[in-house]
Each structure stands twice: as structure tokens, then as C-alpha cells.
Amino acid sequence: IIKILCGALCLFFASKLGPYTYGLY
């Protein structure tokens, strides 16, 4: 459960940062 929660947090941050930086690119 802890791994899933940490993974979900990583995916959340990636889902926000990824599209923003790709748009700038």
C-alpha cells in the first residue's frame, strides 16, 4: 500500500510537470 501511494504521488507530479515542460519544448 505504501509503494502504491508513493507511486501514485510520483505519477501525480509527473502528470503536472510533464505536459507543462513538453508544452514549453
PDB file of all heavy atoms in Angstrom:
ATOM      1  N   ILE A   1       0.844  -1.206   0.000  1.00  0.00           N
ATOM      2  CA  ILE A   1       0.000   0.000   0.000  1.00  0.00           C
ATOM      3  C   ILE A   1       0.875   1.251   0.000  1.00  0.00           C
ATOM      4  O   ILE A   1       0.591   2.218  -0.722  1.00  0.00           O
ATOM      5  CB  ILE A   1      -0.967  -0.016   1.210  1.00  0.00           C
ATOM      6  CG1 ILE A   1      -2.000  -1.137   1.021  1.00  0.00           C
ATOM      7  CG2 ILE A   1      -1.659   1.329   1.367  1.00  0.00           C
ATOM      8  CD1 ILE A   1      -2.879  -1.380   2.224  1.00  0.00           C
ATOM      9  N   ILE A   2       1.940   1.233   0.791  1.00  0.00           N
ATOM     10  CA  ILE A   2       2.849   2.382   0.837  1.00  0.00           C
ATOM     11  C   ILE A   2       3.502   2.602  -0.531  1.00  0.00           C
ATOM     12  O   ILE A   2       3.606   3.736  -1.008  1.00  0.00           O
ATOM     13  CB  ILE A   2       3.911   2.208   1.951  1.00  0.00           C
ATOM     14  CG1 ILE A   2       3.226   2.299   3.311  1.00  0.00           C
ATOM     15  CG2 ILE A   2       5.015   3.244   1.817  1.00  0.00           C
ATOM     16  CD1 ILE A   2       4.116   1.960   4.481  1.00  0.00           C
ATOM     17  N   LYS A   3       3.920   1.507  -1.182  1.00  0.00           N
ATOM     18  CA  LYS A   3       4.506   1.635  -2.515  1.00  0.00           C
ATOM     19  C   LYS A   3       3.503   2.211  -3.507  1.00  0.00           C
ATOM     20  O   LYS A   3       3.843   3.059  -4.336  1.00  0.00           O
ATOM     21  CB  LYS A   3       5.010   0.278  -3.020  1.00  0.00           C
ATOM     22  CG  LYS A   3       6.323  -0.148  -2.409  1.00  0.00           C
ATOM     23  CD  LYS A   3       6.787  -1.449  -3.041  1.00  0.00           C
ATOM     24  CE  LYS A   3       8.135  -1.868  -2.519  1.00  0.00           C
ATOM     25  NZ  LYS A   3       8.604  -3.097  -3.169  1.00  0.00           N
ATOM     26  N   ILE A   4       2.271   1.755  -3.433  1.00  0.00           N
ATOM     27  CA  ILE A   4       1.233   2.259  -4.341  1.00  0.00           C
ATOM     28  C   ILE A   4       0.995   3.744  -4.108  1.00  0.00           C
ATOM     29  O   ILE A   4       0.889   4.531  -5.063  1.00  0.00           O
ATOM     30  CB  ILE A   4      -0.070   1.448  -4.196  1.00  0.00           C
ATOM     31  CG1 ILE A   4       0.129   0.042  -4.755  1.00  0.00           C
ATOM     32  CG2 ILE A   4      -1.236   2.147  -4.890  1.00  0.00           C
ATOM     33  CD1 ILE A   4      -1.020  -0.909  -4.498  1.00  0.00           C
ATOM     34  N   LEU A   5       0.935   4.162  -2.841  1.00  0.00           N
ATOM     35  CA  LEU A   5       0.717   5.577  -2.538  1.00  0.00           C
ATOM     36  C   LEU A   5       1.893   6.440  -3.021  1.00  0.00           C
ATOM     37  O   LEU A   5       1.691   7.514  -3.602  1.00  0.00           O
ATOM     38  CB  LEU A   5       0.496   5.782  -1.042  1.00  0.00           C
ATOM     39  CG  LEU A   5      -0.834   5.243  -0.497  1.00  0.00           C
ATOM     40  CD1 LEU A   5      -0.892   5.386   1.012  1.00  0.00           C
ATOM     41  CD2 LEU A   5      -2.008   5.953  -1.152  1.00  0.00           C
ATOM     42  N   CYS A   6       3.116   5.969  -2.796  1.00  0.00           N
ATOM     43  CA  CYS A   6       4.289   6.708  -3.273  1.00  0.00           C
ATOM     44  C   CYS A   6       4.306   6.758  -4.804  1.00  0.00           C
ATOM     45  O   CYS A   6       4.616   7.801  -5.393  1.00  0.00           O
ATOM     46  CB  CYS A   6       5.579   6.070  -2.753  1.00  0.00           C
ATOM     47  SG  CYS A   6       5.828   6.311  -0.987  1.00  0.00           S
ATOM     48  N   GLY A   7       3.974   5.641  -5.431  1.00  0.00           N
ATOM     49  CA  GLY A   7       3.907   5.607  -6.890  1.00  0.00           C
ATOM     50  C   GLY A   7       2.847   6.543  -7.432  1.00  0.00           C
ATOM     51  O   GLY A   7       3.071   7.233  -8.437  1.00  0.00           O
ATOM     52  N   ALA A   8       1.699   6.584  -6.769  1.00  0.00           N
ATOM     53  CA  ALA A   8       0.631   7.482  -7.205  1.00  0.00           C
ATOM     54  C   ALA A   8       1.066   8.937  -7.067  1.00  0.00           C
ATOM     55  O   ALA A   8       0.759   9.767  -7.938  1.00  0.00           O
ATOM     56  CB  ALA A   8      -0.631   7.227  -6.383  1.00  0.00           C
ATOM     57  N   LEU A   9       1.805   9.246  -6.013  1.00  0.00           N
ATOM     58  CA  LEU A   9       2.317  10.608  -5.836  1.00  0.00           C
ATOM     59  C   LEU A   9       3.304  10.967  -6.946  1.00  0.00           C
ATOM     60  O   LEU A   9       3.243  12.068  -7.514  1.00  0.00           O
ATOM     61  CB  LEU A   9       2.981  10.733  -4.461  1.00  0.00           C
ATOM     62  CG  LEU A   9       3.342  12.123  -3.992  1.00  0.00           C
ATOM     63  CD1 LEU A   9       2.115  13.007  -3.901  1.00  0.00           C
ATOM     64  CD2 LEU A   9       4.025  12.050  -2.633  1.00  0.00           C
ATOM     65  N   CYS A  10       4.189  10.033  -7.275  1.00  0.00           N
ATOM     66  CA  CYS A  10       5.133  10.263  -8.383  1.00  0.00           C
ATOM     67  C   CYS A  10       4.385  10.480  -9.698  1.00  0.00           C
ATOM     68  O   CYS A  10       4.720  11.387 -10.478  1.00  0.00           O
ATOM     69  CB  CYS A  10       6.091   9.082  -8.533  1.00  0.00           C
ATOM     70  SG  CYS A  10       7.350   8.961  -7.270  1.00  0.00           S
ATOM     71  N   LEU A  11       3.372   9.670  -9.947  1.00  0.00           N
ATOM     72  CA  LEU A  11       2.599   9.807 -11.176  1.00  0.00           C
ATOM     73  C   LEU A  11       1.834  11.131 -11.215  1.00  0.00           C
ATOM     74  O   LEU A  11       1.717  11.756 -12.273  1.00  0.00           O
ATOM     75  CB  LEU A  11       1.635   8.628 -11.330  1.00  0.00           C
ATOM     76  CG  LEU A  11       2.293   7.293 -11.665  1.00  0.00           C
ATOM     77  CD1 LEU A  11       1.282   6.153 -11.555  1.00  0.00           C
ATOM     78  CD2 LEU A  11       2.898   7.331 -13.060  1.00  0.00           C
ATOM     79  N   PHE A  12       1.343  11.565 -10.056  1.00  0.00           N
ATOM     80  CA  PHE A  12       0.636  12.846  -9.993  1.00  0.00           C
ATOM     81  C   PHE A  12       1.574  13.993 -10.385  1.00  0.00           C
ATOM     82  O   PHE A  12       1.237  14.827 -11.223  1.00  0.00           O
ATOM     83  CB  PHE A  12       0.065  13.073  -8.588  1.00  0.00           C
ATOM     84  CG  PHE A  12      -0.516  14.449  -8.413  1.00  0.00           C
ATOM     85  CD1 PHE A  12      -1.762  14.761  -8.953  1.00  0.00           C
ATOM     86  CD2 PHE A  12       0.177  15.429  -7.731  1.00  0.00           C
ATOM     87  CE1 PHE A  12      -2.295  16.034  -8.802  1.00  0.00           C
ATOM     88  CE2 PHE A  12      -0.343  16.696  -7.575  1.00  0.00           C
ATOM     89  CZ  PHE A  12      -1.586  17.005  -8.111  1.00  0.00           C
ATOM     90  N   PHE A  13       2.764  14.032  -9.770  1.00  0.00           N
ATOM     91  CA  PHE A  13       3.714  15.102 -10.093  1.00  0.00           C
ATOM     92  C   PHE A  13       4.159  15.031 -11.553  1.00  0.00           C
ATOM     93  O   PHE A  13       4.288  16.065 -12.221  1.00  0.00           O
ATOM     94  CB  PHE A  13       4.917  15.074  -9.158  1.00  0.00           C
ATOM     95  CG  PHE A  13       4.607  15.603  -7.792  1.00  0.00           C
ATOM     96  CD1 PHE A  13       4.786  14.805  -6.677  1.00  0.00           C
ATOM     97  CD2 PHE A  13       4.127  16.886  -7.606  1.00  0.00           C
ATOM     98  CE1 PHE A  13       4.486  15.290  -5.407  1.00  0.00           C
ATOM     99  CE2 PHE A  13       3.830  17.374  -6.349  1.00  0.00           C
ATOM    100  CZ  PHE A  13       4.013  16.572  -5.239  1.00  0.00           C
ATOM    101  N   ALA A  14       4.374  13.832 -12.055  1.00  0.00           N
ATOM    102  CA  ALA A  14       4.770  13.680 -13.459  1.00  0.00           C
ATOM    103  C   ALA A  14       3.649  14.148 -14.386  1.00  0.00           C
ATOM    104  O   ALA A  14       3.919  14.735 -15.437  1.00  0.00           O
ATOM    105  CB  ALA A  14       5.137  12.229 -13.757  1.00  0.00           C
ATOM    106  N   SER A  15       2.393  13.922 -13.999  1.00  0.00           N
ATOM    107  CA  SER A  15       1.267  14.327 -14.844  1.00  0.00           C
ATOM    108  C   SER A  15       1.111  15.845 -14.894  1.00  0.00           C
ATOM    109  O   SER A  15       0.515  16.378 -15.831  1.00  0.00           O
ATOM    110  CB  SER A  15      -0.033  13.688 -14.357  1.00  0.00           C
ATOM    111  OG  SER A  15      -0.485  14.310 -13.160  1.00  0.00           O
ATOM    112  N   LYS A  16       1.622  16.546 -13.909  1.00  0.00           N
ATOM    113  CA  LYS A  16       1.569  18.013 -13.911  1.00  0.00           C
ATOM    114  C   LYS A  16       2.801  18.611 -14.597  1.00  0.00           C
ATOM    115  O   LYS A  16       2.697  19.526 -15.401  1.00  0.00           O
ATOM    116  CB  LYS A  16       1.476  18.562 -12.472  1.00  0.00           C
ATOM    117  CG  LYS A  16       0.237  18.134 -11.742  1.00  0.00           C
ATOM    118  CD  LYS A  16      -0.998  18.628 -12.446  1.00  0.00           C
ATOM    119  CE  LYS A  16      -2.241  18.178 -11.732  1.00  0.00           C
ATOM    120  NZ  LYS A  16      -3.451  18.447 -12.478  1.00  0.00           N
ATOM    121  N   LEU A  17       3.987  18.107 -14.248  1.00  0.00           N
ATOM    122  CA  LEU A  17       5.234  18.654 -14.777  1.00  0.00           C
ATOM    123  C   LEU A  17       5.452  18.277 -16.243  1.00  0.00           C
ATOM    124  O   LEU A  17       5.901  19.103 -17.033  1.00  0.00           O
ATOM    125  CB  LEU A  17       6.417  18.177 -13.932  1.00  0.00           C
ATOM    126  CG  LEU A  17       7.796  18.702 -14.319  1.00  0.00           C
ATOM    127  CD1 LEU A  17       7.848  20.221 -14.203  1.00  0.00           C
ATOM    128  CD2 LEU A  17       8.868  18.057 -13.451  1.00  0.00           C
ATOM    129  N   GLY A  18       5.136  17.045 -16.609  1.00  0.00           N
ATOM    130  CA  GLY A  18       5.385  16.561 -17.966  1.00  0.00           C
ATOM    131  C   GLY A  18       4.717  17.388 -19.050  1.00  0.00           C
ATOM    132  O   GLY A  18       5.392  17.903 -19.952  1.00  0.00           O
ATOM    133  N   PRO A  19       3.389  17.565 -18.997  1.00  0.00           N
ATOM    134  CA  PRO A  19       2.730  18.354 -20.045  1.00  0.00           C
ATOM    135  C   PRO A  19       3.188  19.814 -20.075  1.00  0.00           C
ATOM    136  O   PRO A  19       3.316  20.412 -21.142  1.00  0.00           O
ATOM    137  CB  PRO A  19       1.245  18.269 -19.694  1.00  0.00           C
ATOM    138  CG  PRO A  19       1.129  17.007 -18.902  1.00  0.00           C
ATOM    139  CD  PRO A  19       2.418  16.887 -18.136  1.00  0.00           C
ATOM    140  N   TYR A  20       3.470  20.386 -18.907  1.00  0.00           N
ATOM    141  CA  TYR A  20       3.936  21.775 -18.854  1.00  0.00           C
ATOM    142  C   TYR A  20       5.284  21.914 -19.563  1.00  0.00           C
ATOM    143  O   TYR A  20       5.455  22.789 -20.416  1.00  0.00           O
ATOM    144  CB  TYR A  20       4.035  22.237 -17.399  1.00  0.00           C
ATOM    145  CG  TYR A  20       4.662  23.605 -17.260  1.00  0.00           C
ATOM    146  CD1 TYR A  20       3.965  24.745 -17.627  1.00  0.00           C
ATOM    147  CD2 TYR A  20       5.955  23.740 -16.774  1.00  0.00           C
ATOM    148  CE1 TYR A  20       4.537  26.002 -17.513  1.00  0.00           C
ATOM    149  CE2 TYR A  20       6.533  24.990 -16.659  1.00  0.00           C
ATOM    150  CZ  TYR A  20       5.824  26.112 -17.026  1.00  0.00           C
ATOM    151  OH  TYR A  20       6.409  27.346 -16.915  1.00  0.00           O
ATOM    152  N   THR A  21       6.241  21.066 -19.214  1.00  0.00           N
ATOM    153  CA  THR A  21       7.566  21.170 -19.818  1.00  0.00           C
ATOM    154  C   THR A  21       7.534  20.781 -21.297  1.00  0.00           C
ATOM    155  O   THR A  21       8.270  21.358 -22.102  1.00  0.00           O
ATOM    156  CB  THR A  21       8.608  20.317 -19.079  1.00  0.00           C
ATOM    157  OG1 THR A  21       8.180  18.957 -19.058  1.00  0.00           O
ATOM    158  CG2 THR A  21       8.811  20.817 -17.668  1.00  0.00           C
ATOM    159  N   TYR A  22       6.682  19.842 -21.666  1.00  0.00           N
ATOM    160  CA  TYR A  22       6.585  19.464 -23.072  1.00  0.00           C
ATOM    161  C   TYR A  22       5.977  20.609 -23.891  1.00  0.00           C
ATOM    162  O   TYR A  22       6.398  20.862 -25.022  1.00  0.00           O
ATOM    163  CB  TYR A  22       5.769  18.182 -23.253  1.00  0.00           C
ATOM    164  CG  TYR A  22       5.746  17.716 -24.681  1.00  0.00           C
ATOM    165  CD1 TYR A  22       6.911  17.267 -25.301  1.00  0.00           C
ATOM    166  CD2 TYR A  22       4.581  17.748 -25.429  1.00  0.00           C
ATOM    167  CE1 TYR A  22       6.914  16.860 -26.622  1.00  0.00           C
ATOM    168  CE2 TYR A  22       4.565  17.334 -26.752  1.00  0.00           C
ATOM    169  CZ  TYR A  22       5.734  16.891 -27.342  1.00  0.00           C
ATOM    170  OH  TYR A  22       5.724  16.488 -28.654  1.00  0.00           O
ATOM    171  N   GLY A  23       5.021  21.334 -23.307  1.00  0.00           N
ATOM    172  CA  GLY A  23       4.446  22.500 -23.981  1.00  0.00           C
ATOM    173  C   GLY A  23       5.502  23.572 -24.224  1.00  0.00           C
ATOM    174  O   GLY A  23       5.564  24.165 -25.301  1.00  0.00           O
ATOM    175  N   LEU A  24       6.359  23.813 -23.215  1.00  0.00           N
ATOM    176  CA  LEU A  24       7.455  24.770 -23.394  1.00  0.00           C
ATOM    177  C   LEU A  24       8.418  24.290 -24.471  1.00  0.00           C
ATOM    178  O   LEU A  24       8.924  25.085 -25.264  1.00  0.00           O
ATOM    179  CB  LEU A  24       8.212  24.974 -22.079  1.00  0.00           C
ATOM    180  CG  LEU A  24       7.482  25.730 -20.976  1.00  0.00           C
ATOM    181  CD1 LEU A  24       8.329  25.758 -19.709  1.00  0.00           C
ATOM    182  CD2 LEU A  24       7.124  27.134 -21.418  1.00  0.00           C
ATOM    183  N   TYR A  25       8.673  22.989 -24.490  1.00  0.00           N
ATOM    184  CA  TYR A  25       9.560  22.412 -25.504  1.00  0.00           C
ATOM    185  C   TYR A  25       8.995  22.660 -26.907  1.00  0.00           C
ATOM    186  O   TYR A  25       9.718  23.091 -27.810  1.00  0.00           O
ATOM    187  CB  TYR A  25       9.735  20.913 -25.254  1.00  0.00           C
ATOM    188  CG  TYR A  25      10.451  20.198 -26.366  1.00  0.00           C
ATOM    189  CD1 TYR A  25      11.835  20.254 -26.472  1.00  0.00           C
ATOM    190  CD2 TYR A  25       9.735  19.472 -27.318  1.00  0.00           C
ATOM    191  CE1 TYR A  25      12.496  19.604 -27.500  1.00  0.00           C
ATOM    192  CE2 TYR A  25      10.385  18.823 -28.343  1.00  0.00           C
ATOM    193  CZ  TYR A  25      11.762  18.887 -28.432  1.00  0.00           C
ATOM    194  OH  TYR A  25      12.414  18.248 -29.459  1.00  0.00           O
TER     195      TYR A  25
END
